[in-house]
PDB file of N, CA and C in Angstrom:
ATOM      1  N   MET A   1       0.845  -1.178   0.000  1.00  0.00           N
ATOM      2  CA  MET A   1       0.000   0.000   0.000  1.00  0.00           C
ATOM      3  C   MET A   1       0.885   1.234   0.000  1.00  0.00           C
ATOM      4  N   ASN A   2       0.455   2.220  -0.786  1.00  0.00           N
ATOM      5  CA  ASN A   2       1.125   3.505  -0.831  1.00  0.00           C
ATOM      6  C   ASN A   2       0.216   4.549  -0.199  1.00  0.00           C
ATOM      7  N   ILE A   3       0.802   5.384   0.643  1.00  0.00           N
ATOM      8  CA  ILE A   3       0.050   6.446   1.298  1.00  0.00           C
ATOM      9  C   ILE A   3       0.756   7.769   1.005  1.00  0.00           C
ATOM     10  N   LYS A   4      -0.024   8.706   0.473  1.00  0.00           N
ATOM     11  CA  LYS A   4       0.483  10.061   0.236  1.00  0.00           C
ATOM     12  C   LYS A   4      -0.202  11.002   1.213  1.00  0.00           C
ATOM     13  N   ILE A   5       0.555  11.910   1.749  1.00  0.00           N
ATOM     14  CA  ILE A   5      -0.001  12.975   2.573  1.00  0.00           C
ATOM     15  C   ILE A   5       0.380  14.278   1.872  1.00  0.00           C
ATOM     16  N   ILE A   6      -0.649  14.939   1.346  1.00  0.00           N
ATOM     17  CA  ILE A   6      -0.442  16.143   0.552  1.00  0.00           C
ATOM     18  C   ILE A   6      -0.845  17.350   1.392  1.00  0.00           C
ATOM     19  N   THR A   7       0.088  18.272   1.560  1.00  0.00           N
ATOM     20  CA  THR A   7      -0.185  19.474   2.347  1.00  0.00           C
ATOM     21  C   THR A   7       0.051  20.715   1.502  1.00  0.00           C
ATOM     22  N   VAL A   8      -0.656  21.771   1.842  1.00  0.00           N
ATOM     23  CA  VAL A   8      -0.439  23.063   1.203  1.00  0.00           C
ATOM     24  C   VAL A   8       0.517  23.845   2.080  1.00  0.00           C
ATOM     25  N   GLY A   9       1.637  24.224   1.521  1.00  0.00           N
ATOM     26  CA  GLY A   9       2.646  24.963   2.278  1.00  0.00           C
ATOM     27  C   GLY A   9       3.639  24.025   2.938  1.00  0.00           C
ATOM     28  N   LYS A  10       4.709  24.596   3.379  1.00  0.00           N
ATOM     29  CA  LYS A  10       5.788  23.849   4.000  1.00  0.00           C
ATOM     30  C   LYS A  10       5.517  23.684   5.496  1.00  0.00           C
ATOM     31  N   ILE A  11       5.817  22.514   6.019  1.00  0.00           N
ATOM     32  CA  ILE A  11       5.690  22.275   7.458  1.00  0.00           C
ATOM     33  C   ILE A  11       6.939  22.848   8.117  1.00  0.00           C
ATOM     34  N   LYS A  12       6.742  23.874   8.914  1.00  0.00           N
ATOM     35  CA  LYS A  12       7.876  24.603   9.489  1.00  0.00           C
ATOM     36  C   LYS A  12       8.206  24.186  10.919  1.00  0.00           C
ATOM     37  N   GLU A  13       7.220  23.680  11.640  1.00  0.00           N
ATOM     38  CA  GLU A  13       7.414  23.354  13.044  1.00  0.00           C
ATOM     39  C   GLU A  13       8.305  22.120  13.186  1.00  0.00           C
ATOM     40  N   SER A  14       9.375  22.254  13.948  1.00  0.00           N
ATOM     41  CA  SER A  14      10.331  21.155  14.083  1.00  0.00           C
ATOM     42  C   SER A  14       9.714  19.943  14.772  1.00  0.00           C
ATOM     43  N   TYR A  15       8.800  20.165  15.736  1.00  0.00           N
ATOM     44  CA  TYR A  15       8.191  19.025  16.420  1.00  0.00           C
ATOM     45  C   TYR A  15       7.317  18.210  15.465  1.00  0.00           C
ATOM     46  N   LEU A  16       6.674  18.879  14.495  1.00  0.00           N
ATOM     47  CA  LEU A  16       5.879  18.150  13.500  1.00  0.00           C
ATOM     48  C   LEU A  16       6.780  17.361  12.557  1.00  0.00           C
ATOM     49  N   ASN A  17       7.892  17.960  12.158  1.00  0.00           N
ATOM     50  CA  ASN A  17       8.833  17.250  11.286  1.00  0.00           C
ATOM     51  C   ASN A  17       9.423  16.034  11.992  1.00  0.00           C
ATOM     52  N   GLU A  18       9.680  16.145  13.287  1.00  0.00           N
ATOM     53  CA  GLU A  18      10.168  15.000  14.057  1.00  0.00           C
ATOM     54  C   GLU A  18       9.104  13.905  14.134  1.00  0.00           C
ATOM     55  N   ALA A  19       7.850  14.302  14.329  1.00  0.00           N
ATOM     56  CA  ALA A  19       6.751  13.330  14.369  1.00  0.00           C
ATOM     57  C   ALA A  19       6.600  12.638  13.018  1.00  0.00           C
ATOM     58  N   ILE A  20       6.747  13.383  11.939  1.00  0.00           N
ATOM     59  CA  ILE A  20       6.673  12.805  10.598  1.00  0.00           C
ATOM     60  C   ILE A  20       7.749  11.742  10.419  1.00  0.00           C
ATOM     61  N   LYS A  21       8.953  12.049  10.832  1.00  0.00           N
ATOM     62  CA  LYS A  21      10.050  11.068  10.727  1.00  0.00           C
ATOM     63  C   LYS A  21       9.739   9.811  11.535  1.00  0.00           C
ATOM     64  N   GLU A  22       9.232   9.984  12.737  1.00  0.00           N
ATOM     65  CA  GLU A  22       8.934   8.851  13.611  1.00  0.00           C
ATOM     66  C   GLU A  22       7.825   7.972  13.016  1.00  0.00           C
ATOM     67  N   TYR A  23       6.739   8.588  12.579  1.00  0.00           N
ATOM     68  CA  TYR A  23       5.637   7.804  12.022  1.00  0.00           C
ATOM     69  C   TYR A  23       6.002   7.170  10.680  1.00  0.00           C
ATOM     70  N   THR A  24       6.834   7.835   9.903  1.00  0.00           N
ATOM     71  CA  THR A  24       7.315   7.237   8.655  1.00  0.00           C
ATOM     72  C   THR A  24       8.088   5.964   8.963  1.00  0.00           C
ATOM     73  N   LYS A  25       8.920   6.010   9.986  1.00  0.00           N
ATOM     74  CA  LYS A  25       9.696   4.836  10.386  1.00  0.00           C
ATOM     75  C   LYS A  25       8.770   3.722  10.868  1.00  0.00           C
ATOM     76  N   ARG A  26       7.757   4.075  11.662  1.00  0.00           N
ATOM     77  CA  ARG A  26       6.847   3.067  12.214  1.00  0.00           C
ATOM     78  C   ARG A  26       5.994   2.393  11.139  1.00  0.00           C
ATOM     79  N   ILE A  27       5.569   3.154  10.153  1.00  0.00           N
ATOM     80  CA  ILE A  27       4.648   2.609   9.155  1.00  0.00           C
ATOM     81  C   ILE A  27       5.378   1.921   8.002  1.00  0.00           C
ATOM     82  N   SER A  28       6.680   2.149   7.864  1.00  0.00           N
ATOM     83  CA  SER A  28       7.422   1.627   6.707  1.00  0.00           C
ATOM     84  C   SER A  28       7.334   0.107   6.512  1.00  0.00           C
ATOM     85  N   PRO A  29       7.196  -0.723   7.551  1.00  0.00           N
ATOM     86  CA  PRO A  29       7.034  -2.151   7.274  1.00  0.00           C
ATOM     87  C   PRO A  29       5.690  -2.496   6.618  1.00  0.00           C
ATOM     88  N   TYR A  30       4.723  -1.604   6.705  1.00  0.00           N
ATOM     89  CA  TYR A  30       3.371  -1.891   6.239  1.00  0.00           C
ATOM     90  C   TYR A  30       2.970  -1.134   4.976  1.00  0.00           C
ATOM     91  N   ALA A  31       3.552   0.029   4.776  1.00  0.00           N
ATOM     92  CA  ALA A  31       3.159   0.862   3.636  1.00  0.00           C
ATOM     93  C   ALA A  31       4.281   1.822   3.284  1.00  0.00           C
ATOM     94  N   LYS A  32       4.271   2.248   2.037  1.00  0.00           N
ATOM     95  CA  LYS A  32       5.211   3.271   1.593  1.00  0.00           C
ATOM     96  C   LYS A  32       4.542   4.623   1.816  1.00  0.00           C
ATOM     97  N   LEU A  33       5.169   5.472   2.591  1.00  0.00           N
ATOM     98  CA  LEU A  33       4.612   6.771   2.953  1.00  0.00           C
ATOM     99  C   LEU A  33       5.376   7.876   2.233  1.00  0.00           C
ATOM    100  N   LYS A  34       4.625   8.761   1.596  1.00  0.00           N
ATOM    101  CA  LYS A  34       5.238   9.865   0.855  1.00  0.00           C
ATOM    102  C   LYS A  34       4.561  11.170   1.259  1.00  0.00           C
ATOM    103  N   PHE A  35       5.356  12.160   1.632  1.00  0.00           N
ATOM    104  CA  PHE A  35       4.845  13.484   1.970  1.00  0.00           C
ATOM    105  C   PHE A  35       5.079  14.412   0.792  1.00  0.00           C
ATOM    106  N   ILE A  36       4.016  15.101   0.396  1.00  0.00           N
ATOM    107  CA  ILE A  36       4.088  16.033  -0.726  1.00  0.00           C
ATOM    108  C   ILE A  36       3.628  17.394  -0.228  1.00  0.00           C
ATOM    109  N   GLU A  37       4.497  18.379  -0.350  1.00  0.00           N
ATOM    110  CA  GLU A  37       4.153  19.742   0.038  1.00  0.00           C
ATOM    111  C   GLU A  37       3.999  20.566  -1.238  1.00  0.00           C
ATOM    112  N   VAL A  38       2.777  21.062  -1.490  1.00  0.00           N
ATOM    113  CA  VAL A  38       2.564  21.917  -2.653  1.00  0.00           C
ATOM    114  C   VAL A  38       2.684  23.368  -2.212  1.00  0.00           C
ATOM    115  N   LYS A  39       3.116  24.200  -3.133  1.00  0.00           N
ATOM    116  CA  LYS A  39       3.321  25.613  -2.827  1.00  0.00           C
ATOM    117  C   LYS A  39       1.997  26.273  -2.450  1.00  0.00           C
ATOM    118  N   ASP A  40       2.036  27.070  -1.387  1.00  0.00           N
ATOM    119  CA  ASP A  40       0.839  27.829  -1.024  1.00  0.00           C
ATOM    120  C   ASP A  40       0.811  29.142  -1.797  1.00  0.00           C
ATOM    121  N   GLU A  41      -0.383  29.564  -2.117  1.00  0.00           N
ATOM    122  CA  GLU A  41      -0.586  30.803  -2.855  1.00  0.00           C
ATOM    123  C   GLU A  41      -0.725  31.937  -1.846  1.00  0.00           C
ATOM    124  N   PRO A  42       0.026  33.024  -2.017  1.00  0.00           N
ATOM    125  CA  PRO A  42      -0.092  34.138  -1.074  1.00  0.00           C
ATOM    126  C   PRO A  42      -1.524  34.688  -1.034  1.00  0.00           C
ATOM    127  N   ALA A  43      -1.993  34.960   0.162  1.00  0.00           N
ATOM    128  CA  ALA A  43      -3.337  35.523   0.345  1.00  0.00           C
ATOM    129  C   ALA A  43      -3.227  36.761   1.236  1.00  0.00           C
ATOM    130  N   LYS A  44      -3.984  37.770   0.878  1.00  0.00           N
ATOM    131  CA  LYS A  44      -4.004  39.001   1.663  1.00  0.00           C
ATOM    132  C   LYS A  44      -4.864  38.807   2.903  1.00  0.00           C
ATOM    133  N   ASP A  45      -4.511  39.532   3.974  1.00  0.00           N
ATOM    134  CA  ASP A  45      -5.276  39.440   5.223  1.00  0.00           C
ATOM    135  C   ASP A  45      -6.732  39.847   5.052  1.00  0.00           C
ATOM    136  N   ASN A  46      -6.979  40.917   4.338  1.00  0.00           N
ATOM    137  CA  ASN A  46      -8.344  41.418   4.148  1.00  0.00           C
ATOM    138  C   ASN A  46      -8.846  41.138   2.736  1.00  0.00           C
ATOM    139  N   ALA A  47      -8.570  39.958   2.241  1.00  0.00           N
ATOM    140  CA  ALA A  47      -8.946  39.616   0.875  1.00  0.00           C
ATOM    141  C   ALA A  47     -10.452  39.449   0.750  1.00  0.00           C
ATOM    142  N   SER A  48     -10.941  39.721  -0.435  1.00  0.00           N
ATOM    143  CA  SER A  48     -12.366  39.540  -0.713  1.00  0.00           C
ATOM    144  C   SER A  48     -12.653  38.047  -0.894  1.00  0.00           C
ATOM    145  N   ASP A  49     -13.928  37.693  -0.877  1.00  0.00           N
ATOM    146  CA  ASP A  49     -14.318  36.302  -1.122  1.00  0.00           C
ATOM    147  C   ASP A  49     -13.833  35.842  -2.490  1.00  0.00           C
ATOM    148  N   LYS A  50     -13.888  36.737  -3.464  1.00  0.00           N
ATOM    149  CA  LYS A  50     -13.440  36.415  -4.822  1.00  0.00           C
ATOM    150  C   LYS A  50     -11.946  36.115  -4.840  1.00  0.00           C
ATOM    151  N   ASP A  51     -11.155  36.922  -4.136  1.00  0.00           N
ATOM    152  CA  ASP A  51      -9.715  36.700  -4.073  1.00  0.00           C
ATOM    153  C   ASP A  51      -9.396  35.386  -3.359  1.00  0.00           C
ATOM    154  N   ASN A  52     -10.107  35.107  -2.262  1.00  0.00           N
ATOM    155  CA  ASN A  52      -9.895  33.850  -1.535  1.00  0.00           C
ATOM    156  C   ASN A  52     -10.255  32.645  -2.391  1.00  0.00           C
ATOM    157  N   LEU A  53     -11.311  32.767  -3.196  1.00  0.00           N
ATOM    158  CA  LEU A  53     -11.705  31.688  -4.092  1.00  0.00           C
ATOM    159  C   LEU A  53     -10.610  31.422  -5.121  1.00  0.00           C
ATOM    160  N   LYS A  54     -10.012  32.470  -5.635  1.00  0.00           N
ATOM    161  CA  LYS A  54      -8.913  32.332  -6.611  1.00  0.00           C
ATOM    162  C   LYS A  54      -7.735  31.588  -5.967  1.00  0.00           C
ATOM    163  N   VAL A  55      -7.397  31.947  -4.732  1.00  0.00           N
ATOM    164  CA  VAL A  55      -6.308  31.277  -4.013  1.00  0.00           C
ATOM    165  C   VAL A  55      -6.621  29.793  -3.866  1.00  0.00           C
ATOM    166  N   LYS A  56      -7.846  29.476  -3.465  1.00  0.00           N
ATOM    167  CA  LYS A  56      -8.245  28.073  -3.288  1.00  0.00           C
ATOM    168  C   LYS A  56      -8.175  27.300  -4.600  1.00  0.00           C
ATOM    169  N   GLU A  57      -8.588  27.938  -5.695  1.00  0.00           N
ATOM    170  CA  GLU A  57      -8.557  27.273  -7.001  1.00  0.00           C
ATOM    171  C   GLU A  57      -7.137  26.957  -7.436  1.00  0.00           C
ATOM    172  N   VAL A  58      -6.225  27.901  -7.228  1.00  0.00           N
ATOM    173  CA  VAL A  58      -4.823  27.683  -7.601  1.00  0.00           C
ATOM    174  C   VAL A  58      -4.228  26.547  -6.765  1.00  0.00           C
ATOM    175  N   GLU A  59      -4.484  26.570  -5.459  1.00  0.00           N
ATOM    176  CA  GLU A  59      -3.943  25.520  -4.588  1.00  0.00           C
ATOM    177  C   GLU A  59      -4.590  24.171  -4.883  1.00  0.00           C
ATOM    178  N   ALA A  60      -5.884  24.166  -5.184  1.00  0.00           N
ATOM    179  CA  ALA A  60      -6.566  22.918  -5.537  1.00  0.00           C
ATOM    180  C   ALA A  60      -5.946  22.303  -6.783  1.00  0.00           C
ATOM    181  N   SER A  61      -5.614  23.130  -7.749  1.00  0.00           N
ATOM    182  CA  SER A  61      -4.971  22.650  -8.972  1.00  0.00           C
ATOM    183  C   SER A  61      -3.627  21.994  -8.657  1.00  0.00           C
ATOM    184  N   ARG A  62      -2.880  22.604  -7.763  1.00  0.00           N
ATOM    185  CA  ARG A  62      -1.576  22.033  -7.369  1.00  0.00           C
ATOM    186  C   ARG A  62      -1.755  20.705  -6.644  1.00  0.00           C
ATOM    187  N   ILE A  63      -2.781  20.612  -5.808  1.00  0.00           N
ATOM    188  CA  ILE A  63      -3.059  19.365  -5.095  1.00  0.00           C
ATOM    189  C   ILE A  63      -3.444  18.262  -6.077  1.00  0.00           C
ATOM    190  N   LEU A  64      -4.365  18.581  -6.993  1.00  0.00           N
ATOM    191  CA  LEU A  64      -4.884  17.576  -7.927  1.00  0.00           C
ATOM    192  C   LEU A  64      -3.800  16.987  -8.825  1.00  0.00           C
ATOM    193  N   LYS A  65      -2.745  17.737  -9.094  1.00  0.00           N
ATOM    194  CA  LYS A  65      -1.637  17.222  -9.904  1.00  0.00           C
ATOM    195  C   LYS A  65      -0.929  16.050  -9.221  1.00  0.00           C
ATOM    196  N   ASN A  66      -1.134  15.902  -7.916  1.00  0.00           N
ATOM    197  CA  ASN A  66      -0.460  14.850  -7.146  1.00  0.00           C
ATOM    198  C   ASN A  66      -1.368  13.688  -6.779  1.00  0.00           C
ATOM    199  N   ILE A  67      -2.599  13.717  -7.260  1.00  0.00           N
ATOM    200  CA  ILE A  67      -3.551  12.653  -6.958  1.00  0.00           C
ATOM    201  C   ILE A  67      -3.764  11.806  -8.202  1.00  0.00           C
ATOM    202  N   ASP A  68      -3.581  10.520  -8.048  1.00  0.00           N
ATOM    203  CA  ASP A  68      -3.758   9.572  -9.136  1.00  0.00           C
ATOM    204  C   ASP A  68      -5.195   9.061  -9.127  1.00  0.00           C
ATOM    205  N   SER A  69      -5.687   8.636 -10.265  1.00  0.00           N
ATOM    206  CA  SER A  69      -7.062   8.135 -10.350  1.00  0.00           C
ATOM    207  C   SER A  69      -7.271   6.879  -9.501  1.00  0.00           C
ATOM    208  N   ARG A  70      -6.194   6.167  -9.172  1.00  0.00           N
ATOM    209  CA  ARG A  70      -6.300   4.959  -8.346  1.00  0.00           C
ATOM    210  C   ARG A  70      -6.263   5.270  -6.847  1.00  0.00           C
ATOM    211  N   ASP A  71      -5.972   6.507  -6.484  1.00  0.00           N
ATOM    212  CA  ASP A  71      -5.888   6.887  -5.074  1.00  0.00           C
ATOM    213  C   ASP A  71      -7.276   6.985  -4.453  1.00  0.00           C
ATOM    214  N   TYR A  72      -7.392   6.494  -3.229  1.00  0.00           N
ATOM    215  CA  TYR A  72      -8.587   6.725  -2.434  1.00  0.00           C
ATOM    216  C   TYR A  72      -8.327   8.024  -1.686  1.00  0.00           C
ATOM    217  N   LEU A  73      -9.136   9.016  -1.938  1.00  0.00           N
ATOM    218  CA  LEU A  73      -8.899  10.357  -1.415  1.00  0.00           C
ATOM    219  C   LEU A  73      -9.600  10.564  -0.082  1.00  0.00           C
ATOM    220  N   ILE A  74      -8.835  11.043   0.901  1.00  0.00           N
ATOM    221  CA  ILE A  74      -9.377  11.410   2.203  1.00  0.00           C
ATOM    222  C   ILE A  74      -8.969  12.861   2.462  1.00  0.00           C
ATOM    223  N   ALA A  75      -9.957  13.749   2.467  1.00  0.00           N
ATOM    224  CA  ALA A  75      -9.702  15.165   2.724  1.00  0.00           C
ATOM    225  C   ALA A  75      -9.844  15.423   4.212  1.00  0.00           C
ATOM    226  N   LEU A  76      -8.827  15.985   4.805  1.00  0.00           N
ATOM    227  CA  LEU A  76      -8.858  16.318   6.227  1.00  0.00           C
ATOM    228  C   LEU A  76      -9.281  17.784   6.344  1.00  0.00           C
ATOM    229  N   ALA A  77     -10.517  17.978   6.786  1.00  0.00           N
ATOM    230  CA  ALA A  77     -11.084  19.315   6.845  1.00  0.00           C
ATOM    231  C   ALA A  77     -11.784  19.524   8.181  1.00  0.00           C
ATOM    232  N   ILE A  78     -11.720  20.727   8.679  1.00  0.00           N
ATOM    233  CA  ILE A  78     -12.345  21.071   9.958  1.00  0.00           C
ATOM    234  C   ILE A  78     -13.832  20.743   9.937  1.00  0.00           C
ATOM    235  N   GLU A  79     -14.493  21.041   8.833  1.00  0.00           N
ATOM    236  CA  GLU A  79     -15.931  20.824   8.753  1.00  0.00           C
ATOM    237  C   GLU A  79     -16.302  19.405   8.334  1.00  0.00           C
ATOM    238  N   GLY A  80     -15.323  18.534   8.174  1.00  0.00           N
ATOM    239  CA  GLY A  80     -15.582  17.157   7.755  1.00  0.00           C
ATOM    240  C   GLY A  80     -16.085  16.273   8.885  1.00  0.00           C
ATOM    241  N   LYS A  81     -16.421  15.035   8.524  1.00  0.00           N
ATOM    242  CA  LYS A  81     -16.889  14.063   9.505  1.00  0.00           C
ATOM    243  C   LYS A  81     -15.681  13.508  10.269  1.00  0.00           C
ATOM    244  N   GLN A  82     -15.746  13.551  11.575  1.00  0.00           N
ATOM    245  CA  GLN A  82     -14.666  13.048  12.400  1.00  0.00           C
ATOM    246  C   GLN A  82     -14.877  11.566  12.657  1.00  0.00           C
ATOM    247  N   ILE A  83     -13.800  10.791  12.469  1.00  0.00           N
ATOM    248  CA  ILE A  83     -13.860   9.368  12.787  1.00  0.00           C
ATOM    249  C   ILE A  83     -12.700   9.037  13.718  1.00  0.00           C
ATOM    250  N   ASP A  84     -12.850   7.955  14.467  1.00  0.00           N
ATOM    251  CA  ASP A  84     -11.782   7.581  15.391  1.00  0.00           C
ATOM    252  C   ASP A  84     -10.797   6.630  14.696  1.00  0.00           C
ATOM    253  N   SER A  85      -9.749   6.259  15.390  1.00  0.00           N
ATOM    254  CA  SER A  85      -8.691   5.414  14.829  1.00  0.00           C
ATOM    255  C   SER A  85      -9.212   4.061  14.366  1.00  0.00           C
ATOM    256  N   LEU A  86     -10.132   3.484  15.123  1.00  0.00           N
ATOM    257  CA  LEU A  86     -10.672   2.177  14.749  1.00  0.00           C
ATOM    258  C   LEU A  86     -11.476   2.259  13.447  1.00  0.00           C
ATOM    259  N   GLU A  87     -12.276   3.311  13.303  1.00  0.00           N
ATOM    260  CA  GLU A  87     -13.035   3.491  12.067  1.00  0.00           C
ATOM    261  C   GLU A  87     -12.107   3.685  10.873  1.00  0.00           C
ATOM    262  N   LEU A  88     -11.049   4.468  11.069  1.00  0.00           N
ATOM    263  CA  LEU A  88     -10.082   4.692   9.992  1.00  0.00           C
ATOM    264  C   LEU A  88      -9.380   3.390   9.620  1.00  0.00           C
ATOM    265  N   ALA A  89      -8.965   2.625  10.615  1.00  0.00           N
ATOM    266  CA  ALA A  89      -8.301   1.344  10.351  1.00  0.00           C
ATOM    267  C   ALA A  89      -9.228   0.398   9.590  1.00  0.00           C
ATOM    268  N   HIS A  90     -10.492   0.366   9.968  1.00  0.00           N
ATOM    269  CA  HIS A  90     -11.471  -0.483   9.284  1.00  0.00           C
ATOM    270  C   HIS A  90     -11.633  -0.042   7.829  1.00  0.00           C
ATOM    271  N   LYS A  91     -11.719   1.250   7.601  1.00  0.00           N
ATOM    272  CA  LYS A  91     -11.864   1.796   6.247  1.00  0.00           C
ATOM    273  C   LYS A  91     -10.660   1.426   5.389  1.00  0.00           C
ATOM    274  N   ILE A  92      -9.471   1.574   5.948  1.00  0.00           N
ATOM    275  CA  ILE A  92      -8.244   1.256   5.210  1.00  0.00           C
ATOM    276  C   ILE A  92      -8.191  -0.237   4.885  1.00  0.00           C
ATOM    277  N   LYS A  93      -8.611  -1.061   5.832  1.00  0.00           N
ATOM    278  CA  LYS A  93      -8.617  -2.509   5.617  1.00  0.00           C
ATOM    279  C   LYS A  93      -9.569  -2.900   4.484  1.00  0.00           C
ATOM    280  N   GLU A  94     -10.674  -2.166   4.331  1.00  0.00           N
ATOM    281  CA  GLU A  94     -11.667  -2.461   3.297  1.00  0.00           C
ATOM    282  C   GLU A  94     -11.263  -1.998   1.899  1.00  0.00           C
ATOM    283  N   LEU A  95     -10.358  -1.072   1.786  1.00  0.00           N
ATOM    284  CA  LEU A  95     -10.046  -0.457   0.493  1.00  0.00           C
ATOM    285  C   LEU A  95      -9.705  -1.452  -0.614  1.00  0.00           C
ATOM    286  N   PRO A  96      -8.875  -2.462  -0.362  1.00  0.00           N
ATOM    287  CA  PRO A  96      -8.574  -3.399  -1.458  1.00  0.00           C
ATOM    288  C   PRO A  96      -9.814  -4.112  -2.000  1.00  0.00           C
ATOM    289  N   THR A  97     -10.839  -4.293  -1.177  1.00  0.00           N
ATOM    290  CA  THR A  97     -12.085  -4.916  -1.606  1.00  0.00           C
ATOM    291  C   THR A  97     -12.737  -4.106  -2.727  1.00  0.00           C
ATOM    292  N   TYR A  98     -12.556  -2.803  -2.688  1.00  0.00           N
ATOM    293  CA  TYR A  98     -13.168  -1.911  -3.677  1.00  0.00           C
ATOM    294  C   TYR A  98     -12.189  -1.484  -4.770  1.00  0.00           C
ATOM    295  N   GLY A  99     -11.052  -2.166  -4.851  1.00  0.00           N
ATOM    296  CA  GLY A  99     -10.094  -1.888  -5.912  1.00  0.00           C
ATOM    297  C   GLY A  99      -9.109  -0.773  -5.623  1.00  0.00           C
ATOM    298  N   ASN A 100      -9.066  -0.297  -4.391  1.00  0.00           N
ATOM    299  CA  ASN A 100      -8.115   0.756  -4.019  1.00  0.00           C
ATOM    300  C   ASN A 100      -7.037   0.167  -3.118  1.00  0.00           C
ATOM    301  N   SER A 101      -5.798   0.488  -3.427  1.00  0.00           N
ATOM    302  CA  SER A 101      -4.734   0.076  -2.521  1.00  0.00           C
ATOM    303  C   SER A 101      -3.850   1.254  -2.134  1.00  0.00           C
ATOM    304  N   ASP A 102      -4.101   2.401  -2.738  1.00  0.00           N
ATOM    305  CA  ASP A 102      -3.330   3.601  -2.433  1.00  0.00           C
ATOM    306  C   ASP A 102      -4.263   4.658  -1.843  1.00  0.00           C
ATOM    307  N   ILE A 103      -3.727   5.412  -0.890  1.00  0.00           N
ATOM    308  CA  ILE A 103      -4.512   6.434  -0.196  1.00  0.00           C
ATOM    309  C   ILE A 103      -3.806   7.777  -0.338  1.00  0.00           C
ATOM    310  N   ALA A 104      -4.582   8.827  -0.536  1.00  0.00           N
ATOM    311  CA  ALA A 104      -4.047  10.187  -0.538  1.00  0.00           C
ATOM    312  C   ALA A 104      -4.821  10.995   0.506  1.00  0.00           C
ATOM    313  N   PHE A 105      -4.126  11.404   1.551  1.00  0.00           N
ATOM    314  CA  PHE A 105      -4.701  12.319   2.543  1.00  0.00           C
ATOM    315  C   PHE A 105      -4.367  13.734   2.083  1.00  0.00           C
ATOM    316  N   VAL A 106      -5.344  14.622   2.110  1.00  0.00           N
ATOM    317  CA  VAL A 106      -5.105  16.000   1.686  1.00  0.00           C
ATOM    318  C   VAL A 106      -5.408  16.935   2.845  1.00  0.00           C
ATOM    319  N   ILE A 107      -4.441  17.796   3.151  1.00  0.00           N
ATOM    320  CA  ILE A 107      -4.592  18.822   4.178  1.00  0.00           C
ATOM    321  C   ILE A 107      -4.450  20.159   3.479  1.00  0.00           C
ATOM    322  N   GLY A 108      -5.545  20.885   3.349  1.00  0.00           N
ATOM    323  CA  GLY A 108      -5.538  22.164   2.648  1.00  0.00           C
ATOM    324  C   GLY A 108      -5.245  23.322   3.570  1.00  0.00           C
ATOM    325  N   VAL A 109      -5.589  24.502   3.108  1.00  0.00           N
ATOM    326  CA  VAL A 109      -5.381  25.715   3.906  1.00  0.00           C
ATOM    327  C   VAL A 109      -6.617  26.012   4.715  1.00  0.00           C
ATOM    328  N   SER A 110      -6.524  27.009   5.557  1.00  0.00           N
ATOM    329  CA  SER A 110      -7.647  27.326   6.450  1.00  0.00           C
ATOM    330  C   SER A 110      -8.432  28.548   5.999  1.00  0.00           C
ATOM    331  N   LEU A 111      -8.385  28.874   4.724  1.00  0.00           N
ATOM    332  CA  LEU A 111      -9.211  29.983   4.237  1.00  0.00           C
ATOM    333  C   LEU A 111     -10.673  29.599   4.316  1.00  0.00           C
ATOM    334  N   GLU A 112     -11.504  30.527   4.719  1.00  0.00           N
ATOM    335  CA  GLU A 112     -12.952  30.241   4.792  1.00  0.00           C
ATOM    336  C   GLU A 112     -13.635  30.631   3.513  1.00  0.00           C
TER     337      GLU A 112
END
């Protein structure tokens, strides 16, 4: 199984980078883990809804370039449905049944 974690912008916090290294090491016997950081589009603090939409469209395009048609897409969003670890593990276990063996987690920006 291949797992991609696609983020918008660079992860700058050293504690997060250390956690990424640790979890990559832990999961490596079970899956190939790849982190993809796409460039974030500059956004103004007081941007209009139209300007924010343009930023989202540009970043979405960059994200989509890294998603394959065989990937099972999981978008991590604040307004999304929250599931626990057991539910996620069950979902991942079921994926090959439906013809998916690769997963792409997407973490976007926090523009509203």
